[in-house]
Amino acid sequence: MQADTLLTGGTVVTMDAQRRVIDAGAVAVADGRIVAVGTAHDLETQVQADEVTDCSGQVIIPGLIDVHAHAGHGLIKSIGMHGGDRWEDICGEVYTQVSPPEFWYAEARLAALERLRFGVTTGVSLLGGGDTIMRTDDPAYAAAHCRGVAEVGTRSMVAVGPTRAPHPRIYANWETGEQRQYDVDFSQQMQTCREVATSWHNTNAGRIQIAMLYPVLRDEHERDMTPEDYATACEQAREVRAFARDSGMVFTQDGHWRGSIRRADKLGLLGPETLLSHCIDLHEDEIALVAASHTKIAHNPSANASIMGRCPAIELMAAGAVVALGSDATAPDRSGDMFRHMQHAMHYHRTHFRDASVLPIGQALEMCTIGGARALGMADRIGSVETGKVADLTVVDLRRAHLYPPNMPLHRLVCFANGNDVDTVMVGGEIVLRAGRATRVSESEILDDASAQAAQMIARIGGQDDLALPPDFWGMEGQTT
């Protein structure tokens, strides 16, 4: 058998239906797909490869999948995080008022590089953040994001959509070097989404996908909106959901809790192509609705929402629902390291149940490999190391002090590894990270561009004070150590 690449000698964690783990295993890749999986002994005699990579002492796993994050956050990170709602206010201002396409391009490359170096080959990125803010006043912003991700070489599902009614919303651009504000209504945002979908969905050899989003409708929205505005919001949500379904795209919503899934069900928003994030403090009937409708859940155990309430991920999975892990992006106090989020998830639910056996180690790994692929409707292509699937692979170096001695590799991988232990990443058969360094892009250029765009953004919002240490940074006044 002829192959382009043979990864050999490592422990292969297939995540296939039998959950095979092959010690001293090997994976052969040709034309972007996995063509053989077996022992190193067998494949080294059966396969003639252009490139042979020795993975002895390493673990070969499917590329990790992050099913919920936000574009834009990478340049804001912790800015203003100690000021109550200040961090979210900054996000809203930046994403609507002071972020030119160059901002979105620089942030996309930075976030994609972070994912790449942490072994994340596929991630969802909402084009904005906060409760409702999407940068969908013009297709140029999504295009800049998609170009940035494409350059780095990872896969991205970019979620776009309108802001929540009422409209119009005030946006601004900086084409002339000065701020120019203008009103944006729902129809303009939908037109932007259509153009983005036409231009980018399933492009770059399938590495760029587009998803549609409409903000969650909760009790407070019906209470605080006029009846006319709430009815308009409901109709808009249905329209966005229908457009996603008719276009073969995922429909997603960010921030479900305490009864909002009931509302989504009444609006016809649930279903196999729907991905709902956070989902804290769900009622028993909502768990049943999710399972019965085959709706997918993005669980973000490291997010602030998981402090304010609990996502019943264990109960959802017991009911038959697909629950996958998300990072919720690289801010305000998180990273894109899915190893960190696996570890958080295990401790989060074990603490709740006071039971160290809850969420077994292998199930946590499933939630950001084959489970993540199922959540995105991509399980026929990615998420496991199987013949015929696209070759998205992550190689983790276990030859580290915190991962030794070299036994029980799956336990060491999930419980002790971190993203900086990733050595090699392959996306679609292409090695895009080798020996911990990106192969397609200049990392220093990405960092310098991100720094320049962040500095410009901070100057435009007058955010210098948001960078300072708060008075309680070292603890409460008078606290002794």
Protein backbone atom coordinates (compact mmCIF):
# COMPACT_ATOMS: atom_id res chain seq x y z
CA MET A 1 0.00 0.00 0.00
CA GLN A 2 1.27 3.46 -0.92
CA ALA A 3 0.74 6.33 1.53
CA ASP A 4 1.79 9.92 1.93
CA THR A 5 2.49 9.69 5.65
CA LEU A 6 2.91 6.92 8.21
CA LEU A 7 2.72 7.80 11.89
CA THR A 8 4.18 4.82 13.67
CA GLY A 9 5.15 3.53 17.11
CA GLY A 10 2.70 5.54 19.20
CA THR A 11 -0.30 4.47 21.24
CA VAL A 12 -3.27 4.92 18.90
CA VAL A 13 -6.52 5.88 20.63
CA THR A 14 -9.04 5.28 17.86
CA MET A 15 -12.33 6.40 19.49
CA ASP A 16 -14.03 4.00 17.08
CA ALA A 17 -17.16 2.06 18.04
CA GLN A 18 -15.09 -0.53 19.90
CA ARG A 19 -12.90 2.16 21.47
CA ARG A 20 -9.80 0.27 20.36
CA VAL A 21 -6.49 1.34 21.84
CA ILE A 22 -3.48 0.02 19.90
CA ASP A 23 -0.18 -0.06 21.75
CA ALA A 24 2.80 0.45 19.42
CA GLY A 25 0.29 1.35 16.74
CA ALA A 26 0.42 3.13 13.41
CA VAL A 27 -1.78 5.23 11.14
CA ALA A 28 -1.29 5.53 7.38
CA VAL A 29 -2.58 8.56 5.48
CA ALA A 30 -3.03 9.09 1.74
CA ASP A 31 -4.79 11.88 -0.16
CA GLY A 32 -5.96 13.47 3.08
CA ARG A 33 -7.65 10.37 4.48
CA ILE A 34 -6.77 7.53 6.82
CA VAL A 35 -6.08 4.44 4.75
CA ALA A 36 -4.90 2.02 7.43
CA VAL A 37 -4.88 1.70 11.21
CA GLY A 38 -3.06 -1.13 12.96
CA THR A 39 0.08 -2.15 14.76
CA ALA A 40 3.41 -0.63 13.83
CA HIS A 41 4.72 -4.13 13.19
CA ASP A 42 2.08 -4.79 10.55
CA LEU A 43 1.86 -1.41 8.85
CA GLU A 44 5.61 -0.88 8.59
CA THR A 45 5.78 -3.95 6.38
CA GLN A 46 2.53 -3.28 4.48
CA VAL A 47 2.83 0.46 3.79
CA GLN A 48 5.29 2.36 1.64
CA ALA A 49 5.11 5.99 2.77
CA ASP A 50 6.73 9.16 1.45
CA GLU A 51 7.20 10.33 5.05
CA VAL A 52 7.52 8.14 8.13
CA THR A 53 7.19 9.82 11.54
CA ASP A 54 8.36 7.99 14.64
CA CYS A 55 5.75 8.50 17.37
CA SER A 56 7.30 6.24 19.99
CA GLY A 57 6.49 7.52 23.46
CA GLN A 58 3.57 9.50 22.10
CA VAL A 59 -0.19 9.10 21.84
CA ILE A 60 -2.05 9.50 18.54
CA ILE A 61 -5.63 10.69 19.03
CA PRO A 62 -8.30 12.21 16.81
CA GLY A 63 -7.93 15.96 16.44
CA LEU A 64 -9.68 17.61 19.38
CA ILE A 65 -12.96 19.46 18.78
CA ASP A 66 -14.17 22.61 20.56
CA VAL A 67 -17.92 23.00 19.96
CA HIS A 68 -18.42 26.48 21.41
CA ALA A 69 -16.25 29.59 21.40
CA HIS A 70 -16.36 33.23 20.32
CA ALA A 71 -14.39 35.02 17.65
CA GLY A 72 -13.08 38.36 18.90
CA HIS A 73 -12.41 37.29 22.46
CA GLY A 74 -8.78 36.48 21.79
CA LEU A 75 -7.81 40.17 21.61
CA ILE A 76 -9.87 41.15 24.66
CA LYS A 77 -9.15 38.23 26.99
CA SER A 78 -9.02 39.54 30.59
CA ILE A 79 -9.46 43.27 29.87
CA GLY A 80 -11.94 44.74 32.35
CA MET A 81 -12.79 41.36 33.87
CA HIS A 82 -12.70 42.69 37.44
CA GLY A 83 -15.21 45.46 36.79
CA GLY A 84 -18.53 43.64 37.16
CA ASP A 85 -20.11 43.63 33.72
CA ARG A 86 -17.31 45.74 32.27
CA TRP A 87 -15.71 42.89 30.30
CA GLU A 88 -18.99 42.09 28.53
CA ASP A 89 -19.59 45.80 27.93
CA ILE A 90 -16.18 46.01 26.28
CA CYS A 91 -17.05 43.07 24.04
CA GLY A 92 -20.27 44.76 22.95
CA GLU A 93 -18.55 48.07 22.23
CA VAL A 94 -15.61 46.53 20.41
CA TYR A 95 -17.65 44.17 18.27
CA THR A 96 -20.06 46.85 17.07
CA GLN A 97 -18.05 50.08 17.20
CA VAL A 98 -14.26 49.72 17.02
CA SER A 99 -13.37 46.50 15.20
CA PRO A 100 -12.36 46.85 11.54
CA PRO A 101 -11.86 43.75 9.39
CA GLU A 102 -8.17 43.84 10.32
CA PHE A 103 -9.18 43.22 13.96
CA TRP A 104 -11.14 40.09 13.02
CA TYR A 105 -8.35 38.82 10.79
CA ALA A 106 -5.71 39.26 13.49
CA GLU A 107 -7.89 37.68 16.17
CA ALA A 108 -8.82 34.75 13.93
CA ARG A 109 -5.20 33.93 13.27
CA LEU A 110 -4.29 34.24 16.95
CA ALA A 111 -7.19 32.05 18.12
CA ALA A 112 -6.58 29.48 15.38
CA LEU A 113 -2.90 29.34 16.29
CA GLU A 114 -3.80 28.79 19.94
CA ARG A 115 -6.16 25.98 18.97
CA LEU A 116 -3.58 24.46 16.67
CA ARG A 117 -0.85 24.43 19.29
CA PHE A 118 -3.30 22.82 21.73
CA GLY A 119 -4.20 20.03 19.29
CA VAL A 120 -7.66 21.38 18.43
CA THR A 121 -8.30 20.73 14.76
CA THR A 122 -11.96 21.81 14.63
CA GLY A 123 -13.70 24.60 16.52
CA VAL A 124 -16.90 26.59 16.51
CA SER A 125 -16.49 30.37 16.59
CA LEU A 126 -19.43 32.72 17.03
CA LEU A 127 -18.66 35.96 15.19
CA GLY A 128 -19.03 38.08 18.30
CA GLY A 129 -20.16 37.58 21.86
CA GLY A 130 -22.14 38.76 24.80
CA ASP A 131 -25.83 38.05 24.89
CA THR A 132 -26.68 39.18 21.40
CA ILE A 133 -23.86 40.98 19.58
CA MET A 134 -22.82 39.59 16.19
CA ARG A 135 -20.61 41.43 13.68
CA THR A 136 -23.08 40.93 10.84
CA ASP A 137 -23.56 44.44 9.54
CA ASP A 138 -21.27 43.66 6.59
CA PRO A 139 -19.79 40.44 5.13
CA ALA A 140 -16.27 41.88 5.30
CA TYR A 141 -15.85 40.96 8.97
CA ALA A 142 -16.74 37.29 8.57
CA ALA A 143 -14.58 37.15 5.45
CA ALA A 144 -11.59 38.52 7.37
CA HIS A 145 -12.12 35.91 10.09
CA CYS A 146 -12.41 33.05 7.60
CA ARG A 147 -9.28 34.14 5.75
CA GLY A 148 -7.32 34.21 8.98
CA VAL A 149 -8.39 30.72 10.05
CA ALA A 150 -7.78 29.33 6.57
CA GLU A 151 -4.20 30.57 6.62
CA VAL A 152 -3.41 28.77 9.88
CA GLY A 153 -4.96 25.56 8.57
CA THR A 154 -7.47 24.45 11.21
CA ARG A 155 -11.17 23.78 10.69
CA SER A 156 -13.69 26.36 11.84
CA MET A 157 -17.47 26.45 11.97
CA VAL A 158 -18.20 30.18 11.98
CA ALA A 159 -21.59 31.08 13.43
CA VAL A 160 -23.23 34.25 12.13
CA GLY A 161 -26.65 35.71 12.71
CA PRO A 162 -28.67 38.80 13.57
CA THR A 163 -28.86 40.54 16.90
CA ARG A 164 -31.99 40.04 18.97
CA ALA A 165 -34.97 42.27 18.23
CA PRO A 166 -35.74 45.13 18.50
CA HIS A 167 -33.90 46.71 15.58
CA PRO A 168 -32.15 48.74 14.31
CA ARG A 169 -28.80 48.41 16.11
CA ILE A 170 -26.06 51.00 15.89
CA TYR A 171 -22.81 49.81 14.31
CA ALA A 172 -19.73 51.70 13.16
CA ASN A 173 -16.88 51.26 10.72
CA TRP A 174 -13.43 52.86 10.41
CA GLU A 175 -12.90 52.86 6.67
CA THR A 176 -11.73 56.48 6.72
CA GLY A 177 -9.73 56.15 9.94
CA GLU A 178 -12.56 57.74 11.88
CA GLN A 179 -15.67 56.24 13.38
CA ARG A 180 -18.78 56.34 11.19
CA GLN A 181 -21.95 55.10 12.86
CA TYR A 182 -25.04 53.79 11.10
CA ASP A 183 -28.23 51.84 11.82
CA VAL A 184 -28.46 48.16 10.93
CA ASP A 185 -31.76 46.33 10.74
CA PHE A 186 -32.65 42.64 10.71
CA SER A 187 -32.94 42.40 6.93
CA GLN A 188 -29.43 43.80 6.45
CA GLN A 189 -28.02 41.31 8.94
CA MET A 190 -29.78 38.43 7.22
CA GLN A 191 -28.48 39.56 3.86
CA THR A 192 -24.98 39.60 5.34
CA CYS A 193 -25.48 36.04 6.59
CA ARG A 194 -26.68 34.86 3.20
CA GLU A 195 -23.64 36.37 1.50
CA VAL A 196 -21.30 34.85 4.08
CA ALA A 197 -22.89 31.43 3.65
CA THR A 198 -22.69 31.66 -0.15
CA SER A 199 -19.05 32.74 -0.08
CA TRP A 200 -17.66 30.57 2.70
CA HIS A 201 -19.80 27.58 3.65
CA ASN A 202 -17.95 24.33 2.97
CA THR A 203 -14.95 26.06 1.41
CA ASN A 204 -11.18 25.73 1.79
CA ALA A 205 -11.36 21.96 1.19
CA GLY A 206 -14.21 21.76 3.67
CA ARG A 207 -12.24 23.37 6.48
CA ILE A 208 -14.55 26.40 6.71
CA GLN A 209 -18.19 25.81 7.59
CA ILE A 210 -20.85 28.40 8.36
CA ALA A 211 -23.56 28.02 11.01
CA MET A 212 -26.52 30.25 11.79
CA LEU A 213 -27.36 31.80 15.15
CA TYR A 214 -30.25 33.64 16.75
CA PRO A 215 -29.95 34.85 20.36
CA VAL A 216 -31.78 32.87 23.04
CA LEU A 217 -35.23 34.06 24.09
CA ARG A 218 -35.76 33.77 27.84
CA ASP A 219 -38.33 34.81 30.40
CA GLU A 220 -36.82 38.25 30.88
CA HIS A 221 -37.10 39.04 27.19
CA GLU A 222 -40.83 38.40 27.07
CA ARG A 223 -41.17 40.36 30.32
CA ASP A 224 -39.07 43.36 29.29
CA MET A 225 -39.93 43.61 25.58
CA THR A 226 -43.13 45.05 24.21
CA PRO A 227 -45.50 42.31 22.98
CA GLU A 228 -44.82 43.45 19.42
CA ASP A 229 -41.04 43.25 19.80
CA TYR A 230 -41.20 39.83 21.45
CA ALA A 231 -43.44 38.50 18.69
CA THR A 232 -40.99 39.91 16.13
CA ALA A 233 -38.08 38.22 17.88
CA CYS A 234 -39.92 34.88 17.82
CA GLU A 235 -40.61 35.21 14.10
CA GLN A 236 -36.99 36.15 13.41
CA ALA A 237 -35.73 33.11 15.34
CA ARG A 238 -37.95 30.87 13.20
CA GLU A 239 -36.68 32.52 10.02
CA VAL A 240 -33.03 32.04 10.97
CA ARG A 241 -33.65 28.43 11.96
CA ALA A 242 -35.44 27.75 8.66
CA PHE A 243 -32.61 29.32 6.65
CA ALA A 244 -30.06 27.11 8.44
CA ARG A 245 -32.14 23.99 7.84
CA ASP A 246 -32.76 24.77 4.18
CA SER A 247 -29.06 25.52 3.64
CA GLY A 248 -27.81 22.38 5.37
CA MET A 249 -26.14 24.33 8.17
CA VAL A 250 -26.04 23.93 11.94
CA PHE A 251 -28.32 26.24 13.93
CA THR A 252 -26.89 27.32 17.28
CA GLN A 253 -27.88 29.42 20.28
CA ASP A 254 -25.70 30.70 23.09
CA GLY A 255 -26.86 30.82 26.69
CA HIS A 256 -29.82 28.58 27.45
CA TRP A 257 -31.02 28.23 31.02
CA ARG A 258 -33.99 27.74 33.34
CA GLY A 259 -36.90 27.29 30.97
CA SER A 260 -35.52 28.74 27.75
CA ILE A 261 -35.41 25.32 26.08
CA ARG A 262 -39.17 25.08 26.54
CA ARG A 263 -39.48 28.31 24.59
CA ALA A 264 -37.13 27.05 21.90
CA ASP A 265 -39.24 23.91 21.56
CA LYS A 266 -42.45 25.92 21.16
CA LEU A 267 -40.76 27.98 18.46
CA GLY A 268 -39.68 24.87 16.57
CA LEU A 269 -35.97 25.52 17.09
CA LEU A 270 -34.95 22.10 18.42
CA GLY A 271 -33.79 19.22 16.25
CA PRO A 272 -30.77 17.17 15.12
CA GLU A 273 -29.11 20.17 13.45
CA THR A 274 -29.48 22.40 16.53
CA LEU A 275 -26.59 23.01 18.95
CA LEU A 276 -27.41 24.78 22.23
CA SER A 277 -24.70 26.07 24.54
CA HIS A 278 -24.39 26.29 28.35
CA CYS A 279 -27.86 24.90 29.17
CA ILE A 280 -27.61 25.44 32.92
CA ASP A 281 -30.26 24.54 35.49
CA LEU A 282 -32.49 22.72 33.03
CA HIS A 283 -35.77 21.26 34.22
CA GLU A 284 -36.43 17.54 33.85
CA ASP A 285 -38.88 18.11 31.02
CA GLU A 286 -36.23 20.14 29.16
CA ILE A 287 -33.76 17.27 29.43
CA ALA A 288 -36.44 15.02 27.92
CA LEU A 289 -37.11 17.55 25.14
CA VAL A 290 -33.43 17.69 24.21
CA ALA A 291 -33.11 13.91 24.09
CA ALA A 292 -36.35 13.31 22.19
CA SER A 293 -35.55 15.94 19.55
CA HIS A 294 -31.90 14.80 19.14
CA THR A 295 -30.79 18.37 19.86
CA LYS A 296 -27.06 18.67 20.61
CA ILE A 297 -25.59 20.37 23.69
CA ALA A 298 -22.35 22.36 24.00
CA HIS A 299 -21.22 22.03 27.62
CA ASN A 300 -18.72 24.66 28.78
CA PRO A 301 -17.56 23.58 32.25
CA SER A 302 -14.94 26.35 32.54
CA ALA A 303 -17.31 29.21 31.63
CA ASN A 304 -18.80 31.77 34.00
CA ALA A 305 -22.25 30.37 33.19
CA SER A 306 -21.19 27.09 34.80
CA ILE A 307 -20.48 29.02 38.00
CA MET A 308 -23.92 30.63 37.98
CA GLY A 309 -25.67 27.30 37.42
CA ARG A 310 -25.01 23.71 36.45
CA CYS A 311 -25.34 22.08 33.07
CA PRO A 312 -26.84 18.62 33.76
CA ALA A 313 -24.50 17.00 31.24
CA ILE A 314 -24.50 13.67 33.06
CA GLU A 315 -28.29 13.52 33.13
CA LEU A 316 -28.53 14.63 29.50
CA MET A 317 -26.16 11.90 28.33
CA ALA A 318 -28.01 9.33 30.46
CA ALA A 319 -31.19 10.37 28.63
CA GLY A 320 -29.47 9.73 25.28
CA ALA A 321 -28.50 13.28 24.30
CA VAL A 322 -25.21 14.17 22.60
CA VAL A 323 -23.22 16.48 24.88
CA ALA A 324 -19.86 17.81 23.68
CA LEU A 325 -17.29 20.10 25.27
CA GLY A 326 -16.68 23.74 24.46
CA SER A 327 -14.09 26.18 25.75
CA ASP A 328 -16.37 29.25 25.50
CA ALA A 329 -13.27 30.89 23.98
CA THR A 330 -10.08 32.38 25.31
CA ALA A 331 -11.61 34.89 27.71
CA PRO A 332 -11.98 36.29 30.27
CA ASP A 333 -10.19 33.62 32.33
CA ARG A 334 -10.10 30.59 30.05
CA SER A 335 -8.00 29.22 27.22
CA GLY A 336 -8.61 27.03 24.19
CA ASP A 337 -6.88 24.08 25.90
CA MET A 338 -9.40 21.23 25.69
CA PHE A 339 -7.32 19.11 28.08
CA ARG A 340 -8.03 21.74 30.70
CA HIS A 341 -11.74 21.60 29.93
CA MET A 342 -11.85 17.79 30.09
CA GLN A 343 -10.28 17.97 33.53
CA HIS A 344 -12.64 20.74 34.63
CA ALA A 345 -15.64 18.76 33.43
CA MET A 346 -14.70 15.70 35.45
CA HIS A 347 -14.15 17.66 38.66
CA TYR A 348 -17.23 19.82 38.05
CA HIS A 349 -19.68 16.92 37.93
CA ARG A 350 -17.88 14.75 40.48
CA THR A 351 -18.07 17.60 42.96
CA HIS A 352 -21.79 18.00 42.30
CA PHE A 353 -22.53 14.31 42.86
CA ARG A 354 -19.83 13.84 45.54
CA ASP A 355 -18.78 10.82 43.52
CA ALA A 356 -15.32 10.40 41.95
CA SER A 357 -16.62 7.81 39.48
CA VAL A 358 -18.94 10.24 37.67
CA LEU A 359 -17.92 11.17 34.11
CA PRO A 360 -15.32 8.46 33.45
CA ILE A 361 -12.04 9.50 31.91
CA GLY A 362 -12.78 7.94 28.52
CA GLN A 363 -16.18 9.62 28.35
CA ALA A 364 -14.54 13.01 28.92
CA LEU A 365 -12.23 12.33 25.97
CA GLU A 366 -15.22 11.26 23.89
CA MET A 367 -16.89 14.64 24.52
CA CYS A 368 -14.20 16.49 22.55
CA THR A 369 -13.49 13.88 19.88
CA ILE A 370 -16.24 11.70 18.40
CA GLY A 371 -18.88 13.39 20.60
CA GLY A 372 -17.83 16.78 19.29
CA ALA A 373 -18.02 15.47 15.73
CA ARG A 374 -21.56 14.20 16.37
CA ALA A 375 -22.57 17.56 17.81
CA LEU A 376 -21.46 19.29 14.62
CA GLY A 377 -22.94 16.70 12.25
CA MET A 378 -19.46 15.67 11.13
CA ALA A 379 -19.06 12.22 12.68
CA ASP A 380 -18.90 10.60 9.24
CA ARG A 381 -15.73 12.59 8.52
CA ILE A 382 -13.83 13.36 11.71
CA GLY A 383 -13.72 12.56 15.43
CA SER A 384 -12.13 9.11 15.34
CA VAL A 385 -9.09 7.34 13.88
CA GLU A 386 -10.73 5.02 11.37
CA THR A 387 -10.04 3.94 7.81
CA GLY A 388 -11.84 6.21 5.35
CA LYS A 389 -12.13 9.21 7.64
CA VAL A 390 -10.41 12.53 7.04
CA ALA A 391 -6.96 12.51 8.61
CA ASP A 392 -7.37 15.00 11.44
CA LEU A 393 -4.89 13.74 14.02
CA THR A 394 -3.19 15.06 17.14
CA VAL A 395 0.00 13.57 18.54
CA VAL A 396 0.73 14.18 22.22
CA ASP A 397 4.23 13.69 23.62
CA LEU A 398 4.07 11.67 26.84
CA ARG A 399 7.80 11.98 27.44
CA ARG A 400 7.25 14.69 30.01
CA ALA A 401 7.83 14.64 33.77
CA HIS A 402 4.16 15.24 34.56
CA LEU A 403 3.10 12.36 32.28
CA TYR A 404 5.60 9.76 33.47
CA PRO A 405 6.20 6.90 34.18
CA PRO A 406 5.11 5.53 30.79
CA ASN A 407 2.14 3.38 31.76
CA MET A 408 -1.64 3.89 31.66
CA PRO A 409 -1.29 6.32 28.72
CA LEU A 410 -5.01 7.19 28.47
CA HIS A 411 -5.18 8.12 32.12
CA ARG A 412 -2.04 10.25 31.80
CA LEU A 413 -3.37 11.86 28.62
CA VAL A 414 -6.74 12.99 29.97
CA CYS A 415 -5.91 13.63 33.63
CA PHE A 416 -2.46 15.21 33.37
CA ALA A 417 -1.70 16.44 29.86
CA ASN A 418 -2.11 20.02 28.72
CA GLY A 419 -2.13 21.64 25.33
CA ASN A 420 1.58 22.39 25.46
CA ASP A 421 2.29 18.66 25.33
CA VAL A 422 1.01 18.51 21.74
CA ASP A 423 3.83 17.73 19.32
CA THR A 424 2.22 17.19 15.91
CA VAL A 425 -1.13 18.09 14.37
CA MET A 426 -2.48 16.90 11.04
CA VAL A 427 -5.56 18.42 9.37
CA GLY A 428 -6.88 16.77 6.24
CA GLY A 429 -3.67 14.80 5.90
CA GLU A 430 -1.50 17.93 6.04
CA ILE A 431 0.93 18.37 8.93
CA VAL A 432 0.15 21.89 10.15
CA LEU A 433 2.06 21.60 13.45
CA ARG A 434 5.40 19.85 13.69
CA ALA A 435 7.47 19.63 16.87
CA GLY A 436 5.11 22.16 18.44
CA ARG A 437 5.55 24.79 15.70
CA ALA A 438 3.07 25.86 13.03
CA THR A 439 4.15 24.96 9.52
CA ARG A 440 1.97 27.31 7.45
CA VAL A 441 2.37 30.66 9.19
CA SER A 442 4.87 32.80 11.03
CA GLU A 443 3.91 32.70 14.68
CA SER A 444 5.83 35.89 15.44
CA GLU A 445 3.93 37.76 12.71
CA ILE A 446 0.61 36.60 14.17
CA LEU A 447 1.62 37.70 17.67
CA ASP A 448 2.86 41.10 16.47
CA ASP A 449 -0.33 41.72 14.48
CA ALA A 450 -2.50 40.72 17.43
CA SER A 451 -0.59 43.07 19.70
CA ALA A 452 -0.98 45.99 17.30
CA GLN A 453 -4.71 45.43 16.78
CA ALA A 454 -5.30 45.08 20.53
CA ALA A 455 -3.44 48.31 21.23
CA GLN A 456 -5.51 50.16 18.63
CA MET A 457 -8.73 48.71 20.07
CA ILE A 458 -7.81 49.72 23.63
CA ALA A 459 -7.00 53.26 22.51
CA ARG A 460 -10.33 53.58 20.68
CA ILE A 461 -12.41 52.53 23.69
CA GLY A 462 -10.26 54.45 26.18
CA GLY A 463 -9.56 51.21 27.98
CA GLN A 464 -6.19 51.86 29.58
CA ASP A 465 -7.68 51.81 33.09
CA ASP A 466 -9.15 48.38 32.38
CA LEU A 467 -5.62 46.95 32.23
CA ALA A 468 -4.71 47.85 35.81
CA LEU A 469 -4.72 45.43 38.76
CA PRO A 470 -7.89 45.94 40.82
CA PRO A 471 -7.65 46.80 44.55
CA ASP A 472 -8.67 43.26 45.57
CA PHE A 473 -6.31 41.49 43.19
CA TRP A 474 -4.23 40.02 46.05
CA GLY A 475 -7.26 39.20 48.19
CA MET A 476 -9.54 41.00 50.60
CA GLU A 477 -8.13 44.01 52.45
CA GLY A 478 -6.71 42.96 55.79
CA GLN A 479 -6.48 39.30 54.84
CA THR A 480 -3.47 37.56 56.38
CA THR A 481 -1.42 34.85 54.74
